[in-house]
Amino acid sequence: MTLSPPRIDVTEADKADARSSFLVLACWYVAVVVAFGLFLGTLSGSVPADCGEVCDSERSRALLFGLYVALPAMFLALLVSLTTLAVLISRTRLRSSALVGTLAAALPLVACGLLVTIL
C-alpha cells in the first residue's frame, strides 16, 4: 500500500470573502471623503474685504476644486479599485479580506492623490 501526498484543493473557503473585502475598500474611500471634509473645516470661509464680489473664500474654492476635479478622479479611482478587487478575489489565494480590500484601494487612491496634488 502506497501513500500518496496530500492533495491541495483550492476551494472558495481558501479565498477572501468578497463582501467583507468590498466593505474594506468602501471604508478607505469613506476615509478619504471624511479627510477632505476635515480639511474643509480648517479653511476660512470669509472673503477678503478689498476684493468685492469677484473673489471667493478659500473654502468655496476648495469645494469647487473637490466638485470639478477630485470627485471625477475619485469616481475613476473607484472603478479601477472595483476591477482590481474582482481580479484579486478571483485570481489570488489571499485569505485576508482586509489585505485584499486595502490592496485594491491603495494604488488608485495614491494615483488620485498625486494627480490632485499636481493640479
N, C-alpha and C. Protein backbone atom coordinates (compact mmCIF):
# COMPACT_ATOMS: atom_id res chain seq x y z
N MET A 1 0.85 -1.16 0.00
CA MET A 1 0.00 0.00 0.00
C MET A 1 0.90 1.23 0.00
N THR A 2 0.70 2.09 -0.99
CA THR A 2 1.50 3.30 -1.08
C THR A 2 0.68 4.49 -0.62
N LEU A 3 1.36 5.38 0.02
CA LEU A 3 0.70 6.59 0.49
C LEU A 3 0.93 7.70 -0.53
N SER A 4 -0.11 8.31 -0.93
CA SER A 4 0.02 9.42 -1.88
C SER A 4 0.10 10.73 -1.09
N PRO A 5 0.77 11.72 -1.66
CA PRO A 5 0.86 13.00 -0.95
C PRO A 5 -0.51 13.65 -0.85
N PRO A 6 -0.69 14.46 0.17
CA PRO A 6 -2.00 15.09 0.34
C PRO A 6 -2.30 15.99 -0.86
N ARG A 7 -3.52 15.95 -1.28
CA ARG A 7 -3.95 16.72 -2.43
C ARG A 7 -4.36 18.12 -1.97
N ILE A 8 -3.82 19.12 -2.64
CA ILE A 8 -4.14 20.50 -2.31
C ILE A 8 -5.34 20.91 -3.13
N ASP A 9 -6.40 21.22 -2.45
CA ASP A 9 -7.64 21.60 -3.13
C ASP A 9 -7.96 23.05 -2.78
N VAL A 10 -7.92 23.92 -3.77
CA VAL A 10 -8.24 25.33 -3.55
C VAL A 10 -9.73 25.49 -3.74
N THR A 11 -10.38 25.79 -2.66
CA THR A 11 -11.83 25.99 -2.73
C THR A 11 -12.14 27.45 -2.42
N GLU A 12 -13.39 27.76 -2.46
CA GLU A 12 -13.81 29.12 -2.17
C GLU A 12 -13.54 29.50 -0.72
N ALA A 13 -13.40 28.52 0.16
CA ALA A 13 -13.13 28.82 1.57
C ALA A 13 -11.71 29.33 1.76
N ASP A 14 -10.82 29.04 0.82
CA ASP A 14 -9.44 29.48 0.93
C ASP A 14 -9.21 30.89 0.41
N LYS A 15 -10.24 31.52 -0.11
CA LYS A 15 -10.11 32.86 -0.67
C LYS A 15 -10.77 33.88 0.25
N ALA A 16 -10.43 35.13 0.02
CA ALA A 16 -11.02 36.20 0.82
C ALA A 16 -12.50 36.35 0.48
N ASP A 17 -13.25 36.75 1.46
CA ASP A 17 -14.68 36.98 1.27
C ASP A 17 -14.88 38.26 0.47
N ALA A 18 -15.65 38.18 -0.60
CA ALA A 18 -15.84 39.33 -1.49
C ALA A 18 -16.59 40.46 -0.80
N ARG A 19 -17.56 40.13 0.01
CA ARG A 19 -18.37 41.15 0.67
C ARG A 19 -17.56 41.96 1.69
N SER A 20 -16.79 41.28 2.50
CA SER A 20 -16.01 41.99 3.50
C SER A 20 -14.83 42.73 2.85
N SER A 21 -14.30 42.20 1.76
CA SER A 21 -13.25 42.93 1.03
C SER A 21 -13.80 44.21 0.43
N PHE A 22 -15.02 44.15 -0.09
CA PHE A 22 -15.66 45.34 -0.62
C PHE A 22 -15.92 46.36 0.48
N LEU A 23 -16.30 45.90 1.66
CA LEU A 23 -16.52 46.83 2.78
C LEU A 23 -15.22 47.53 3.19
N VAL A 24 -14.11 46.81 3.19
CA VAL A 24 -12.82 47.42 3.49
C VAL A 24 -12.49 48.47 2.44
N LEU A 25 -12.72 48.14 1.18
CA LEU A 25 -12.48 49.08 0.08
C LEU A 25 -13.34 50.33 0.25
N ALA A 26 -14.60 50.14 0.56
CA ALA A 26 -15.51 51.28 0.76
C ALA A 26 -15.09 52.13 1.95
N CYS A 27 -14.58 51.50 3.00
CA CYS A 27 -14.12 52.26 4.17
C CYS A 27 -12.93 53.15 3.82
N TRP A 28 -12.06 52.70 2.94
CA TRP A 28 -10.94 53.54 2.51
C TRP A 28 -11.45 54.78 1.77
N TYR A 29 -12.44 54.59 0.92
CA TYR A 29 -12.99 55.74 0.20
C TYR A 29 -13.74 56.69 1.13
N VAL A 30 -14.45 56.14 2.10
CA VAL A 30 -15.13 56.99 3.09
C VAL A 30 -14.09 57.76 3.91
N ALA A 31 -12.98 57.13 4.23
CA ALA A 31 -11.93 57.82 4.99
C ALA A 31 -11.37 59.00 4.19
N VAL A 32 -11.22 58.85 2.89
CA VAL A 32 -10.72 59.94 2.05
C VAL A 32 -11.72 61.09 2.03
N VAL A 33 -13.01 60.79 1.92
CA VAL A 33 -14.03 61.83 1.90
C VAL A 33 -14.10 62.54 3.24
N VAL A 34 -13.99 61.80 4.34
CA VAL A 34 -14.01 62.42 5.67
C VAL A 34 -12.78 63.30 5.86
N ALA A 35 -11.62 62.85 5.38
CA ALA A 35 -10.41 63.66 5.49
C ALA A 35 -10.55 64.96 4.70
N PHE A 36 -11.18 64.90 3.53
CA PHE A 36 -11.42 66.12 2.76
C PHE A 36 -12.38 67.05 3.50
N GLY A 37 -13.39 66.49 4.13
CA GLY A 37 -14.31 67.30 4.92
C GLY A 37 -13.62 67.96 6.10
N LEU A 38 -12.73 67.23 6.76
CA LEU A 38 -11.98 67.83 7.86
C LEU A 38 -11.04 68.92 7.37
N PHE A 39 -10.46 68.72 6.19
CA PHE A 39 -9.62 69.75 5.59
C PHE A 39 -10.43 71.00 5.29
N LEU A 40 -11.64 70.83 4.78
CA LEU A 40 -12.51 71.98 4.51
C LEU A 40 -12.84 72.74 5.79
N GLY A 41 -12.94 72.04 6.89
CA GLY A 41 -13.23 72.68 8.17
C GLY A 41 -12.11 73.58 8.65
N THR A 42 -10.91 73.35 8.18
CA THR A 42 -9.78 74.19 8.60
C THR A 42 -9.64 75.45 7.76
N LEU A 43 -10.33 75.52 6.63
CA LEU A 43 -10.20 76.66 5.73
C LEU A 43 -11.12 77.79 6.15
N SER A 44 -10.72 78.99 5.80
CA SER A 44 -11.50 80.18 6.14
C SER A 44 -12.66 80.33 5.17
N GLY A 45 -13.80 80.72 5.69
CA GLY A 45 -14.98 80.95 4.87
C GLY A 45 -15.21 82.42 4.56
N SER A 46 -14.32 83.28 5.01
CA SER A 46 -14.52 84.71 4.79
C SER A 46 -13.85 85.17 3.49
N VAL A 47 -14.48 86.15 2.86
CA VAL A 47 -13.97 86.72 1.62
C VAL A 47 -13.14 87.95 1.98
N PRO A 48 -11.98 88.15 1.35
CA PRO A 48 -11.20 89.36 1.64
C PRO A 48 -12.01 90.63 1.37
N ALA A 49 -11.87 91.63 2.23
CA ALA A 49 -12.69 92.83 2.15
C ALA A 49 -12.39 93.68 0.91
N ASP A 50 -11.16 93.72 0.48
CA ASP A 50 -10.80 94.58 -0.64
C ASP A 50 -11.10 93.97 -2.00
N CYS A 51 -11.65 92.76 -2.04
CA CYS A 51 -11.85 92.06 -3.29
C CYS A 51 -13.22 92.31 -3.91
N GLY A 52 -14.21 92.57 -3.12
CA GLY A 52 -15.56 92.78 -3.65
C GLY A 52 -16.27 91.47 -3.89
N GLU A 53 -17.10 91.44 -4.94
CA GLU A 53 -17.90 90.24 -5.24
C GLU A 53 -17.19 89.28 -6.18
N VAL A 54 -16.01 89.64 -6.65
CA VAL A 54 -15.30 88.84 -7.63
C VAL A 54 -14.61 87.63 -6.98
N CYS A 55 -14.14 87.78 -5.79
CA CYS A 55 -13.34 86.74 -5.14
C CYS A 55 -14.21 85.75 -4.38
N ASP A 56 -13.66 84.57 -4.18
CA ASP A 56 -14.29 83.53 -3.37
C ASP A 56 -13.44 83.29 -2.14
N SER A 57 -14.04 82.66 -1.16
CA SER A 57 -13.29 82.30 0.04
C SER A 57 -12.45 81.05 -0.25
N GLU A 58 -11.53 80.77 0.65
CA GLU A 58 -10.70 79.57 0.50
C GLU A 58 -11.56 78.32 0.51
N ARG A 59 -12.56 78.32 1.36
CA ARG A 59 -13.43 77.15 1.48
C ARG A 59 -14.24 76.92 0.21
N SER A 60 -14.77 77.98 -0.38
CA SER A 60 -15.56 77.80 -1.60
C SER A 60 -14.68 77.37 -2.77
N ARG A 61 -13.44 77.87 -2.84
CA ARG A 61 -12.53 77.42 -3.89
C ARG A 61 -12.20 75.95 -3.73
N ALA A 62 -11.99 75.51 -2.49
CA ALA A 62 -11.69 74.10 -2.24
C ALA A 62 -12.90 73.23 -2.56
N LEU A 63 -14.10 73.72 -2.26
CA LEU A 63 -15.31 72.96 -2.60
C LEU A 63 -15.47 72.83 -4.11
N LEU A 64 -15.22 73.90 -4.84
CA LEU A 64 -15.30 73.83 -6.30
C LEU A 64 -14.24 72.90 -6.87
N PHE A 65 -13.04 72.93 -6.31
CA PHE A 65 -11.99 72.01 -6.72
C PHE A 65 -12.42 70.57 -6.45
N GLY A 66 -13.00 70.34 -5.29
CA GLY A 66 -13.47 69.00 -4.96
C GLY A 66 -14.57 68.53 -5.88
N LEU A 67 -15.45 69.44 -6.26
CA LEU A 67 -16.57 69.08 -7.12
C LEU A 67 -16.12 68.80 -8.55
N TYR A 68 -15.25 69.64 -9.09
CA TYR A 68 -14.91 69.53 -10.50
C TYR A 68 -13.65 68.72 -10.80
N VAL A 69 -12.79 68.53 -9.83
CA VAL A 69 -11.55 67.77 -10.07
C VAL A 69 -11.51 66.49 -9.23
N ALA A 70 -11.68 66.62 -7.92
CA ALA A 70 -11.50 65.47 -7.04
C ALA A 70 -12.62 64.44 -7.19
N LEU A 71 -13.86 64.88 -7.37
CA LEU A 71 -14.97 63.94 -7.49
C LEU A 71 -14.85 63.06 -8.73
N PRO A 72 -14.59 63.61 -9.93
CA PRO A 72 -14.38 62.71 -11.08
C PRO A 72 -13.16 61.81 -10.92
N ALA A 73 -12.10 62.32 -10.31
CA ALA A 73 -10.91 61.49 -10.08
C ALA A 73 -11.23 60.35 -9.12
N MET A 74 -12.00 60.62 -8.09
CA MET A 74 -12.40 59.57 -7.15
C MET A 74 -13.30 58.53 -7.82
N PHE A 75 -14.17 58.98 -8.71
CA PHE A 75 -15.05 58.05 -9.42
C PHE A 75 -14.22 57.10 -10.30
N LEU A 76 -13.26 57.65 -11.03
CA LEU A 76 -12.40 56.80 -11.85
C LEU A 76 -11.56 55.87 -10.98
N ALA A 77 -11.08 56.37 -9.86
CA ALA A 77 -10.31 55.53 -8.95
C ALA A 77 -11.18 54.41 -8.39
N LEU A 78 -12.45 54.70 -8.12
CA LEU A 78 -13.36 53.66 -7.62
C LEU A 78 -13.58 52.59 -8.67
N LEU A 79 -13.74 52.97 -9.93
CA LEU A 79 -13.90 51.98 -10.99
C LEU A 79 -12.67 51.09 -11.11
N VAL A 80 -11.49 51.69 -11.04
CA VAL A 80 -10.26 50.90 -11.10
C VAL A 80 -10.15 50.00 -9.88
N SER A 81 -10.53 50.50 -8.71
CA SER A 81 -10.46 49.70 -7.48
C SER A 81 -11.41 48.51 -7.53
N LEU A 82 -12.60 48.72 -8.05
CA LEU A 82 -13.56 47.61 -8.14
C LEU A 82 -13.07 46.54 -9.11
N THR A 83 -12.47 46.96 -10.21
CA THR A 83 -11.90 46.00 -11.15
C THR A 83 -10.74 45.24 -10.51
N THR A 84 -9.88 45.97 -9.82
CA THR A 84 -8.76 45.33 -9.13
C THR A 84 -9.24 44.37 -8.06
N LEU A 85 -10.29 44.75 -7.35
CA LEU A 85 -10.85 43.87 -6.32
C LEU A 85 -11.37 42.58 -6.92
N ALA A 86 -12.06 42.68 -8.04
CA ALA A 86 -12.58 41.47 -8.70
C ALA A 86 -11.44 40.55 -9.14
N VAL A 87 -10.38 41.14 -9.67
CA VAL A 87 -9.23 40.33 -10.10
C VAL A 87 -8.54 39.70 -8.90
N LEU A 88 -8.35 40.47 -7.84
CA LEU A 88 -7.67 39.93 -6.65
C LEU A 88 -8.46 38.80 -6.01
N ILE A 89 -9.77 38.93 -5.98
CA ILE A 89 -10.58 37.89 -5.35
C ILE A 89 -10.58 36.62 -6.20
N SER A 90 -10.65 36.78 -7.51
CA SER A 90 -10.77 35.59 -8.35
C SER A 90 -9.44 34.91 -8.65
N ARG A 91 -8.34 35.64 -8.64
CA ARG A 91 -7.09 35.05 -9.11
C ARG A 91 -6.01 34.89 -8.06
N THR A 92 -6.23 35.33 -6.84
CA THR A 92 -5.20 35.17 -5.82
C THR A 92 -5.70 34.25 -4.72
N ARG A 93 -4.78 33.82 -3.90
CA ARG A 93 -5.12 32.95 -2.77
C ARG A 93 -5.05 33.70 -1.45
N LEU A 94 -5.13 35.01 -1.51
CA LEU A 94 -5.09 35.79 -0.27
C LEU A 94 -6.35 35.51 0.54
N ARG A 95 -6.17 35.27 1.81
CA ARG A 95 -7.31 34.94 2.67
C ARG A 95 -7.82 36.15 3.45
N SER A 96 -6.99 37.14 3.62
CA SER A 96 -7.35 38.29 4.43
C SER A 96 -8.18 39.28 3.61
N SER A 97 -9.39 39.50 4.04
CA SER A 97 -10.25 40.46 3.36
C SER A 97 -9.74 41.88 3.53
N ALA A 98 -9.15 42.16 4.68
CA ALA A 98 -8.60 43.50 4.91
C ALA A 98 -7.44 43.77 3.96
N LEU A 99 -6.61 42.77 3.74
CA LEU A 99 -5.48 42.94 2.82
C LEU A 99 -5.95 43.09 1.38
N VAL A 100 -6.92 42.30 0.97
CA VAL A 100 -7.42 42.38 -0.40
C VAL A 100 -8.10 43.72 -0.65
N GLY A 101 -8.93 44.18 0.28
CA GLY A 101 -9.59 45.48 0.13
C GLY A 101 -8.61 46.64 0.13
N THR A 102 -7.59 46.55 0.97
CA THR A 102 -6.58 47.61 1.02
C THR A 102 -5.73 47.62 -0.25
N LEU A 103 -5.35 46.45 -0.74
CA LEU A 103 -4.57 46.39 -1.97
C LEU A 103 -5.37 46.92 -3.16
N ALA A 104 -6.65 46.63 -3.19
CA ALA A 104 -7.49 47.12 -4.28
C ALA A 104 -7.65 48.63 -4.23
N ALA A 105 -7.65 49.22 -3.06
CA ALA A 105 -7.86 50.66 -2.92
C ALA A 105 -6.57 51.46 -2.97
N ALA A 106 -5.44 50.84 -2.66
CA ALA A 106 -4.20 51.60 -2.46
C ALA A 106 -3.71 52.31 -3.72
N LEU A 107 -3.49 51.59 -4.79
CA LEU A 107 -2.90 52.19 -5.98
C LEU A 107 -3.78 53.28 -6.60
N PRO A 108 -5.07 53.05 -6.79
CA PRO A 108 -5.90 54.14 -7.36
C PRO A 108 -5.99 55.36 -6.46
N LEU A 109 -6.07 55.16 -5.15
CA LEU A 109 -6.15 56.32 -4.26
C LEU A 109 -4.84 57.09 -4.22
N VAL A 110 -3.72 56.42 -4.27
CA VAL A 110 -2.43 57.10 -4.32
C VAL A 110 -2.30 57.88 -5.63
N ALA A 111 -2.68 57.25 -6.74
CA ALA A 111 -2.61 57.93 -8.03
C ALA A 111 -3.55 59.13 -8.06
N CYS A 112 -4.73 58.99 -7.49
CA CYS A 112 -5.68 60.10 -7.42
C CYS A 112 -5.11 61.22 -6.56
N GLY A 113 -4.49 60.90 -5.45
CA GLY A 113 -3.90 61.90 -4.59
C GLY A 113 -2.75 62.64 -5.27
N LEU A 114 -1.94 61.90 -6.03
CA LEU A 114 -0.85 62.55 -6.75
C LEU A 114 -1.37 63.49 -7.84
N LEU A 115 -2.40 63.06 -8.55
CA LEU A 115 -2.97 63.92 -9.59
C LEU A 115 -3.59 65.18 -9.00
N VAL A 116 -4.26 65.04 -7.90
CA VAL A 116 -4.88 66.21 -7.25
C VAL A 116 -3.81 67.14 -6.73
N THR A 117 -2.72 66.58 -6.22
CA THR A 117 -1.63 67.42 -5.71
C THR A 117 -0.94 68.19 -6.83
N ILE A 118 -0.78 67.54 -7.97
CA ILE A 118 -0.12 68.19 -9.10
C ILE A 118 -0.97 69.31 -9.66
N LEU A 119 -2.27 69.09 -9.74
CA LEU A 119 -3.16 70.11 -10.28
C LEU A 119 -3.32 71.23 -9.30
